[in-house]
Amino acid sequence: MKKAIYPGSFDPVTLGHLDIIERSAKLVDHLIVGVLNNKAKTPLFSVDERVNMLKEVTKHIPNVEVLSFSGLLVEFAKEHEVNAIIRGLRAVTDFEYELAMSQTNKVAAPSIDTVFLNTSLEYAYLSSSIVKEMAMYHGDISKFVPEYVIDKVNEKYNASNN
């Protein structure tokens, strides 16, 4: 069985993330979407909220499982007997960082390969940070995130403005 993991913070999940998830799921038998619990950052959404949002927006993809993790990605990947790590690339600036990470991961876990997927052109500019900034100033985020996520993001910013 070909198993891969697509890791990220997904704070919040964007249409770009969903595009990579859908395309990755076609390449493997089982895709784990790994939601990173990064204790060094203060996310907009809790890990549980991010996992639940991802479960909702990927429920139409039968071979996708959403799990959270903390610590090293390669350890999480080994624990789940993953063959590959999927990483999306938006621009050349992503490549240098991602290449260094993939090489480091290859040293730490030689049996796990990294697969880079170019982001679809329609989402090449998109990031969770852009979504959060737009929402903070009450901009329309409907072209950036799945419909289910729009209200979740707006609720967070409306609550913080009260």
N, C-alpha and C. Protein backbone atom coordinates (compact mmCIF):
# COMPACT_ATOMS: atom_id res chain seq x y z
N MET A 1 0.84 -1.18 0.00
CA MET A 1 0.00 0.00 0.00
C MET A 1 0.88 1.24 0.00
N LYS A 2 0.60 2.15 -0.91
CA LYS A 2 1.32 3.43 -0.96
C LYS A 2 0.63 4.41 -0.02
N LYS A 3 1.39 4.84 1.00
CA LYS A 3 0.85 5.79 1.98
C LYS A 3 1.71 7.04 1.96
N ALA A 4 1.05 8.19 2.02
CA ALA A 4 1.76 9.46 2.06
C ALA A 4 1.13 10.34 3.13
N ILE A 5 1.91 11.34 3.51
CA ILE A 5 1.41 12.33 4.45
C ILE A 5 1.58 13.71 3.82
N TYR A 6 0.56 14.52 3.97
CA TYR A 6 0.62 15.92 3.56
C TYR A 6 0.53 16.73 4.85
N PRO A 7 1.67 17.22 5.34
CA PRO A 7 1.68 17.92 6.62
C PRO A 7 1.50 19.42 6.46
N GLY A 8 1.01 20.05 7.51
CA GLY A 8 0.91 21.50 7.51
C GLY A 8 0.20 21.98 8.75
N SER A 9 0.15 23.30 8.88
CA SER A 9 -0.57 23.86 10.02
C SER A 9 -2.05 24.07 9.67
N PHE A 10 -2.35 24.35 8.40
CA PHE A 10 -3.73 24.47 7.93
C PHE A 10 -4.54 25.42 8.83
N ASP A 11 -4.01 26.62 9.02
CA ASP A 11 -4.61 27.58 9.96
C ASP A 11 -5.04 28.86 9.26
N PRO A 12 -6.11 28.84 8.48
CA PRO A 12 -7.06 27.75 8.21
C PRO A 12 -6.70 27.02 6.91
N VAL A 13 -7.41 25.95 6.65
CA VAL A 13 -7.27 25.23 5.39
C VAL A 13 -7.77 26.13 4.26
N THR A 14 -7.03 26.19 3.16
CA THR A 14 -7.38 27.02 2.01
C THR A 14 -7.77 26.14 0.82
N LEU A 15 -8.27 26.78 -0.21
CA LEU A 15 -8.56 26.04 -1.45
C LEU A 15 -7.28 25.49 -2.07
N GLY A 16 -6.16 26.18 -1.85
CA GLY A 16 -4.87 25.67 -2.32
C GLY A 16 -4.50 24.37 -1.62
N HIS A 17 -4.68 24.33 -0.30
CA HIS A 17 -4.44 23.09 0.45
C HIS A 17 -5.34 21.97 -0.07
N LEU A 18 -6.61 22.29 -0.25
CA LEU A 18 -7.57 21.29 -0.69
C LEU A 18 -7.20 20.75 -2.08
N ASP A 19 -6.72 21.62 -2.94
CA ASP A 19 -6.26 21.21 -4.27
C ASP A 19 -5.13 20.19 -4.16
N ILE A 20 -4.16 20.48 -3.30
CA ILE A 20 -3.03 19.55 -3.12
C ILE A 20 -3.53 18.23 -2.51
N ILE A 21 -4.44 18.30 -1.57
CA ILE A 21 -5.00 17.08 -0.95
C ILE A 21 -5.70 16.23 -2.00
N GLU A 22 -6.55 16.84 -2.80
CA GLU A 22 -7.30 16.08 -3.81
C GLU A 22 -6.36 15.45 -4.83
N ARG A 23 -5.36 16.19 -5.28
CA ARG A 23 -4.41 15.66 -6.26
C ARG A 23 -3.53 14.57 -5.66
N SER A 24 -3.11 14.76 -4.42
CA SER A 24 -2.27 13.76 -3.74
C SER A 24 -3.03 12.47 -3.51
N ALA A 25 -4.29 12.58 -3.17
CA ALA A 25 -5.11 11.39 -2.89
C ALA A 25 -5.23 10.50 -4.12
N LYS A 26 -5.08 11.07 -5.30
CA LYS A 26 -5.13 10.28 -6.54
C LYS A 26 -3.83 9.52 -6.78
N LEU A 27 -2.76 9.93 -6.11
CA LEU A 27 -1.44 9.33 -6.33
C LEU A 27 -1.13 8.16 -5.39
N VAL A 28 -1.86 8.08 -4.28
CA VAL A 28 -1.57 7.08 -3.26
C VAL A 28 -2.83 6.32 -2.86
N ASP A 29 -2.61 5.20 -2.18
CA ASP A 29 -3.75 4.43 -1.68
C ASP A 29 -4.36 5.06 -0.44
N HIS A 30 -3.49 5.67 0.38
CA HIS A 30 -3.94 6.25 1.65
C HIS A 30 -3.16 7.54 1.89
N LEU A 31 -3.87 8.64 2.10
CA LEU A 31 -3.23 9.93 2.37
C LEU A 31 -3.61 10.39 3.76
N ILE A 32 -2.59 10.66 4.55
CA ILE A 32 -2.80 11.24 5.87
C ILE A 32 -2.55 12.75 5.75
N VAL A 33 -3.53 13.54 6.14
CA VAL A 33 -3.33 14.98 6.25
C VAL A 33 -2.91 15.20 7.69
N GLY A 34 -1.66 15.58 7.88
CA GLY A 34 -1.10 15.74 9.21
C GLY A 34 -1.15 17.18 9.67
N VAL A 35 -1.92 17.45 10.70
CA VAL A 35 -2.08 18.81 11.22
C VAL A 35 -1.06 19.01 12.34
N LEU A 36 -0.14 19.90 12.08
CA LEU A 36 0.95 20.15 13.03
C LEU A 36 0.50 20.97 14.21
N ASN A 37 0.79 20.47 15.38
CA ASN A 37 0.59 21.23 16.62
C ASN A 37 1.94 21.85 16.96
N ASN A 38 2.17 23.07 16.48
CA ASN A 38 3.43 23.75 16.68
C ASN A 38 3.32 24.64 17.91
N LYS A 39 3.95 24.23 18.99
CA LYS A 39 3.85 24.96 20.25
C LYS A 39 4.55 26.32 20.21
N ALA A 40 5.37 26.55 19.17
CA ALA A 40 6.08 27.82 19.05
C ALA A 40 5.21 28.90 18.42
N LYS A 41 4.06 28.52 17.86
CA LYS A 41 3.18 29.49 17.21
C LYS A 41 1.86 29.60 17.96
N THR A 42 1.20 30.73 17.78
CA THR A 42 -0.13 30.92 18.33
C THR A 42 -1.11 30.94 17.16
N PRO A 43 -1.72 29.79 16.87
CA PRO A 43 -2.62 29.73 15.72
C PRO A 43 -3.97 30.38 16.00
N LEU A 44 -4.69 30.70 14.93
CA LEU A 44 -6.04 31.23 15.03
C LEU A 44 -6.98 30.14 15.55
N PHE A 45 -6.80 28.91 15.04
CA PHE A 45 -7.65 27.78 15.40
C PHE A 45 -6.85 26.77 16.22
N SER A 46 -7.53 26.12 17.15
CA SER A 46 -6.89 25.04 17.92
C SER A 46 -6.62 23.86 16.98
N VAL A 47 -5.80 22.94 17.40
CA VAL A 47 -5.52 21.74 16.61
C VAL A 47 -6.82 20.98 16.34
N ASP A 48 -7.64 20.82 17.37
CA ASP A 48 -8.91 20.10 17.19
C ASP A 48 -9.81 20.79 16.18
N GLU A 49 -9.87 22.12 16.21
CA GLU A 49 -10.69 22.85 15.24
C GLU A 49 -10.17 22.65 13.82
N ARG A 50 -8.85 22.69 13.66
CA ARG A 50 -8.25 22.51 12.33
C ARG A 50 -8.49 21.09 11.82
N VAL A 51 -8.34 20.10 12.70
CA VAL A 51 -8.61 18.70 12.32
C VAL A 51 -10.07 18.56 11.90
N ASN A 52 -10.99 19.10 12.67
CA ASN A 52 -12.41 18.99 12.35
C ASN A 52 -12.76 19.68 11.03
N MET A 53 -12.18 20.85 10.78
CA MET A 53 -12.43 21.54 9.51
C MET A 53 -11.93 20.70 8.34
N LEU A 54 -10.75 20.15 8.49
CA LEU A 54 -10.18 19.32 7.42
C LEU A 54 -11.00 18.05 7.20
N LYS A 55 -11.47 17.44 8.27
CA LYS A 55 -12.31 16.25 8.11
C LYS A 55 -13.57 16.60 7.33
N GLU A 56 -14.14 17.75 7.61
CA GLU A 56 -15.36 18.17 6.93
C GLU A 56 -15.10 18.42 5.44
N VAL A 57 -14.03 19.15 5.12
CA VAL A 57 -13.81 19.54 3.71
C VAL A 57 -13.18 18.42 2.88
N THR A 58 -12.75 17.33 3.53
CA THR A 58 -12.19 16.19 2.78
C THR A 58 -13.07 14.96 2.86
N LYS A 59 -14.26 15.08 3.41
CA LYS A 59 -15.11 13.89 3.61
C LYS A 59 -15.51 13.24 2.29
N HIS A 60 -15.40 13.97 1.19
CA HIS A 60 -15.72 13.41 -0.13
C HIS A 60 -14.57 12.59 -0.72
N ILE A 61 -13.43 12.54 -0.02
CA ILE A 61 -12.26 11.80 -0.53
C ILE A 61 -12.06 10.58 0.37
N PRO A 62 -12.44 9.39 -0.11
CA PRO A 62 -12.47 8.22 0.77
C PRO A 62 -11.13 7.75 1.32
N ASN A 63 -10.04 8.04 0.64
CA ASN A 63 -8.74 7.53 1.11
C ASN A 63 -7.94 8.56 1.91
N VAL A 64 -8.62 9.58 2.42
CA VAL A 64 -7.95 10.61 3.23
C VAL A 64 -8.31 10.44 4.70
N GLU A 65 -7.28 10.51 5.53
CA GLU A 65 -7.43 10.47 6.99
C GLU A 65 -6.77 11.73 7.54
N VAL A 66 -7.41 12.38 8.47
CA VAL A 66 -6.86 13.60 9.07
C VAL A 66 -6.45 13.30 10.51
N LEU A 67 -5.18 13.56 10.81
CA LEU A 67 -4.63 13.32 12.14
C LEU A 67 -3.78 14.51 12.56
N SER A 68 -3.67 14.72 13.85
CA SER A 68 -2.78 15.77 14.34
C SER A 68 -1.48 15.13 14.84
N PHE A 69 -0.43 15.94 14.87
CA PHE A 69 0.84 15.47 15.40
C PHE A 69 1.64 16.64 15.94
N SER A 70 2.59 16.33 16.80
CA SER A 70 3.56 17.32 17.26
C SER A 70 4.91 16.63 17.22
N GLY A 71 5.95 17.40 17.24
CA GLY A 71 7.27 16.81 17.15
C GLY A 71 7.72 16.70 15.70
N LEU A 72 8.66 15.79 15.47
CA LEU A 72 9.25 15.65 14.15
C LEU A 72 8.32 14.95 13.17
N LEU A 73 8.20 15.52 12.00
CA LEU A 73 7.38 14.93 10.95
C LEU A 73 7.84 13.52 10.60
N VAL A 74 9.14 13.31 10.48
CA VAL A 74 9.62 11.98 10.08
C VAL A 74 9.28 10.92 11.12
N GLU A 75 9.24 11.28 12.38
CA GLU A 75 8.86 10.31 13.41
C GLU A 75 7.38 9.96 13.28
N PHE A 76 6.56 10.96 13.02
CA PHE A 76 5.13 10.74 12.79
C PHE A 76 4.94 9.87 11.54
N ALA A 77 5.69 10.16 10.50
CA ALA A 77 5.61 9.39 9.25
C ALA A 77 6.02 7.94 9.47
N LYS A 78 7.10 7.72 10.21
CA LYS A 78 7.55 6.34 10.50
C LYS A 78 6.49 5.60 11.30
N GLU A 79 5.94 6.26 12.28
CA GLU A 79 4.91 5.66 13.14
C GLU A 79 3.72 5.17 12.33
N HIS A 80 3.41 5.88 11.24
CA HIS A 80 2.26 5.52 10.40
C HIS A 80 2.66 4.78 9.12
N GLU A 81 3.92 4.35 9.06
CA GLU A 81 4.45 3.56 7.94
C GLU A 81 4.18 4.24 6.59
N VAL A 82 4.52 5.51 6.54
CA VAL A 82 4.32 6.32 5.36
C VAL A 82 5.51 6.17 4.41
N ASN A 83 5.22 6.11 3.09
CA ASN A 83 6.27 6.00 2.07
C ASN A 83 6.76 7.35 1.58
N ALA A 84 5.88 8.36 1.66
CA ALA A 84 6.24 9.65 1.07
C ALA A 84 5.61 10.81 1.84
N ILE A 85 6.31 11.93 1.78
CA ILE A 85 5.83 13.19 2.32
C ILE A 85 5.49 14.07 1.12
N ILE A 86 4.29 14.62 1.11
CA ILE A 86 3.85 15.50 0.02
C ILE A 86 4.04 16.95 0.47
N ARG A 87 4.65 17.74 -0.40
CA ARG A 87 4.81 19.17 -0.11
C ARG A 87 4.37 19.97 -1.33
N GLY A 88 3.60 21.00 -1.09
CA GLY A 88 3.18 21.88 -2.17
C GLY A 88 4.16 23.02 -2.33
N LEU A 89 4.43 23.37 -3.57
CA LEU A 89 5.33 24.49 -3.86
C LEU A 89 4.55 25.58 -4.59
N ARG A 90 4.56 26.78 -4.02
CA ARG A 90 3.88 27.91 -4.66
C ARG A 90 4.83 28.70 -5.53
N ALA A 91 6.06 28.88 -5.06
CA ALA A 91 7.01 29.75 -5.76
C ALA A 91 8.43 29.25 -5.53
N VAL A 92 9.35 29.83 -6.26
CA VAL A 92 10.76 29.47 -6.13
C VAL A 92 11.24 29.67 -4.69
N THR A 93 10.70 30.68 -4.03
CA THR A 93 11.11 30.96 -2.65
C THR A 93 10.78 29.79 -1.72
N ASP A 94 9.70 29.05 -2.00
CA ASP A 94 9.36 27.86 -1.21
C ASP A 94 10.39 26.76 -1.41
N PHE A 95 10.93 26.68 -2.63
CA PHE A 95 11.75 25.53 -3.00
C PHE A 95 13.01 25.39 -2.15
N GLU A 96 13.72 26.47 -1.91
CA GLU A 96 14.96 26.37 -1.13
C GLU A 96 14.72 25.78 0.25
N TYR A 97 13.73 26.30 0.94
CA TYR A 97 13.40 25.80 2.27
C TYR A 97 12.95 24.34 2.20
N GLU A 98 12.05 24.04 1.28
CA GLU A 98 11.50 22.69 1.16
C GLU A 98 12.57 21.67 0.76
N LEU A 99 13.49 22.07 -0.11
CA LEU A 99 14.58 21.18 -0.50
C LEU A 99 15.46 20.84 0.70
N ALA A 100 15.82 21.84 1.48
CA ALA A 100 16.64 21.60 2.68
C ALA A 100 15.92 20.68 3.66
N MET A 101 14.62 20.92 3.85
CA MET A 101 13.84 20.06 4.75
C MET A 101 13.78 18.62 4.23
N SER A 102 13.56 18.47 2.92
CA SER A 102 13.44 17.12 2.37
C SER A 102 14.77 16.37 2.48
N GLN A 103 15.87 17.07 2.29
CA GLN A 103 17.18 16.43 2.42
C GLN A 103 17.45 16.03 3.86
N THR A 104 17.07 16.89 4.79
CA THR A 104 17.23 16.57 6.21
C THR A 104 16.37 15.36 6.58
N ASN A 105 15.12 15.37 6.11
CA ASN A 105 14.22 14.25 6.38
C ASN A 105 14.75 12.95 5.78
N LYS A 106 15.37 13.03 4.61
CA LYS A 106 15.91 11.84 3.96
C LYS A 106 17.05 11.24 4.77
N VAL A 107 17.86 12.08 5.40
CA VAL A 107 18.93 11.60 6.27
C VAL A 107 18.33 10.94 7.51
N ALA A 108 17.31 11.56 8.07
CA ALA A 108 16.67 11.04 9.29
C ALA A 108 15.83 9.80 9.03
N ALA A 109 15.26 9.70 7.83
CA ALA A 109 14.39 8.57 7.49
C ALA A 109 14.61 8.20 6.02
N PRO A 110 15.66 7.43 5.73
CA PRO A 110 16.02 7.12 4.34
C PRO A 110 14.93 6.42 3.52
N SER A 111 14.01 5.75 4.17
CA SER A 111 12.97 5.03 3.42
C SER A 111 11.80 5.92 3.00
N ILE A 112 11.81 7.17 3.43
CA ILE A 112 10.69 8.08 3.13
C ILE A 112 11.16 9.14 2.12
N ASP A 113 10.45 9.22 1.00
CA ASP A 113 10.77 10.21 -0.02
C ASP A 113 9.85 11.41 0.12
N THR A 114 10.31 12.55 -0.40
CA THR A 114 9.47 13.75 -0.45
C THR A 114 9.06 13.97 -1.89
N VAL A 115 7.78 14.23 -2.09
CA VAL A 115 7.23 14.50 -3.41
C VAL A 115 6.74 15.94 -3.41
N PHE A 116 7.21 16.71 -4.37
CA PHE A 116 6.80 18.10 -4.50
C PHE A 116 5.72 18.21 -5.56
N LEU A 117 4.63 18.85 -5.20
CA LEU A 117 3.56 19.15 -6.17
C LEU A 117 3.49 20.65 -6.35
N ASN A 118 3.56 21.10 -7.59
CA ASN A 118 3.37 22.52 -7.85
C ASN A 118 1.93 22.87 -7.56
N THR A 119 1.74 23.98 -6.91
CA THR A 119 0.40 24.47 -6.65
C THR A 119 -0.24 24.83 -7.98
N SER A 120 -1.52 24.55 -8.12
CA SER A 120 -2.23 24.97 -9.33
C SER A 120 -2.13 26.48 -9.45
N LEU A 121 -2.00 26.96 -10.68
CA LEU A 121 -1.78 28.39 -10.91
C LEU A 121 -2.82 29.28 -10.24
N GLU A 122 -4.07 28.81 -10.20
CA GLU A 122 -5.12 29.65 -9.62
C GLU A 122 -4.94 29.88 -8.12
N TYR A 123 -4.06 29.08 -7.47
CA TYR A 123 -3.83 29.22 -6.03
C TYR A 123 -2.38 29.58 -5.69
N ALA A 124 -1.60 29.91 -6.68
CA ALA A 124 -0.16 30.12 -6.47
C ALA A 124 0.16 31.25 -5.49
N TYR A 125 -0.72 32.20 -5.37
CA TYR A 125 -0.51 33.36 -4.48
C TYR A 125 -1.05 33.12 -3.08
N LEU A 126 -1.83 32.07 -2.90
CA LEU A 126 -2.67 31.91 -1.71
C LEU A 126 -1.92 31.29 -0.52
N SER A 127 -2.16 31.85 0.64
CA SER A 127 -1.62 31.30 1.89
C SER A 127 -2.63 31.51 3.00
N SER A 128 -2.49 30.75 4.07
CA SER A 128 -3.35 30.94 5.24
C SER A 128 -3.17 32.34 5.82
N SER A 129 -1.96 32.87 5.76
CA SER A 129 -1.70 34.22 6.28
C SER A 129 -2.50 35.27 5.53
N ILE A 130 -2.57 35.12 4.20
CA ILE A 130 -3.36 36.06 3.39
C ILE A 130 -4.83 35.99 3.79
N VAL A 131 -5.33 34.76 3.97
CA VAL A 131 -6.73 34.57 4.36
C VAL A 131 -7.00 35.27 5.70
N LYS A 132 -6.11 35.06 6.65
CA LYS A 132 -6.31 35.66 7.98
C LYS A 132 -6.28 37.19 7.91
N GLU A 133 -5.37 37.72 7.12
CA GLU A 133 -5.29 39.18 7.01
C GLU A 133 -6.55 39.74 6.35
N MET A 134 -7.02 39.09 5.29
CA MET A 134 -8.26 39.53 4.64
C MET A 134 -9.43 39.49 5.62
N ALA A 135 -9.54 38.40 6.36
CA ALA A 135 -10.65 38.23 7.30
C ALA A 135 -10.57 39.23 8.45
N MET A 136 -9.37 39.53 8.89
CA MET A 136 -9.18 40.46 10.00
C MET A 136 -9.79 41.83 9.68
N TYR A 137 -9.69 42.19 8.39
CA TYR A 137 -10.22 43.48 7.96
C TYR A 137 -11.57 43.32 7.25
N HIS A 138 -12.24 42.21 7.53
CA HIS A 138 -13.59 41.93 7.04
C HIS A 138 -13.68 41.86 5.52
N GLY A 139 -12.59 41.39 4.88
CA GLY A 139 -12.60 41.20 3.44
C GLY A 139 -13.32 39.90 3.08
N ASP A 140 -13.67 39.76 1.82
CA ASP A 140 -14.35 38.58 1.31
C ASP A 140 -13.32 37.46 1.09
N ILE A 141 -13.45 36.39 1.85
CA ILE A 141 -12.50 35.27 1.73
C ILE A 141 -13.10 34.08 0.97
N SER A 142 -14.24 34.28 0.35
CA SER A 142 -14.95 33.17 -0.30
C SER A 142 -14.19 32.56 -1.48
N LYS A 143 -13.26 33.29 -2.06
CA LYS A 143 -12.46 32.76 -3.17
C LYS A 143 -11.19 32.06 -2.68
N PHE A 144 -10.99 32.02 -1.37
CA PHE A 144 -9.75 31.51 -0.81
C PHE A 144 -9.89 30.25 0.02
N VAL A 145 -11.05 30.04 0.61
CA VAL A 145 -11.24 28.90 1.52
C VAL A 145 -12.52 28.14 1.14
N PRO A 146 -12.60 26.86 1.51
CA PRO A 146 -13.85 26.13 1.27
C PRO A 146 -15.01 26.81 1.99
N GLU A 147 -16.20 26.68 1.44
CA GLU A 147 -17.39 27.36 1.98
C GLU A 147 -17.58 27.09 3.47
N TYR A 148 -17.35 25.85 3.88
CA TYR A 148 -17.52 25.47 5.29
C TYR A 148 -16.62 26.29 6.22
N VAL A 149 -15.49 26.71 5.72
CA VAL A 149 -14.48 27.39 6.54
C VAL A 149 -14.75 28.89 6.67
N ILE A 150 -15.47 29.47 5.73
CA ILE A 150 -15.70 30.92 5.72
C ILE A 150 -16.27 31.41 7.06
N ASP A 151 -17.37 30.81 7.49
CA ASP A 151 -17.99 31.25 8.74
C ASP A 151 -17.10 31.01 9.94
N LYS A 152 -16.35 29.90 9.92
CA LYS A 152 -15.45 29.59 11.04
C LYS A 152 -14.40 30.69 11.20
N VAL A 153 -13.82 31.12 10.09
CA VAL A 153 -12.80 32.17 10.14
C VAL A 153 -13.43 33.49 10.58
N ASN A 154 -14.56 33.84 9.96
CA ASN A 154 -15.21 35.11 10.31
C ASN A 154 -15.66 35.15 11.76
N GLU A 155 -16.13 34.02 12.28
CA GLU A 155 -16.51 33.95 13.71
C GLU A 155 -15.34 34.28 14.61
N LYS A 156 -14.15 33.78 14.29
CA LYS A 156 -12.97 34.04 15.10
C LYS A 156 -12.67 35.53 15.15
N TYR A 157 -12.73 36.20 14.00
CA TYR A 157 -12.40 37.61 13.97
C TYR A 157 -13.52 38.47 14.54
N ASN A 158 -14.76 38.08 14.37
CA ASN A 158 -15.86 38.83 14.98
C ASN A 158 -15.82 38.73 16.50
N ALA A 159 -15.46 37.55 17.01
CA ALA A 159 -15.33 37.35 18.46
C ALA A 159 -14.20 38.19 19.03
N SER A 160 -13.10 38.30 18.29
CA SER A 160 -11.96 39.07 18.80
C SER A 160 -12.18 40.57 18.71
N ASN A 161 -13.17 41.00 17.89
CA ASN A 161 -13.47 42.43 17.76
C ASN A 161 -14.52 42.90 18.75
N ASN A 162 -15.10 41.98 19.50
CA ASN A 162 -16.14 42.36 20.47
C ASN A 162 -15.55 42.69 21.82
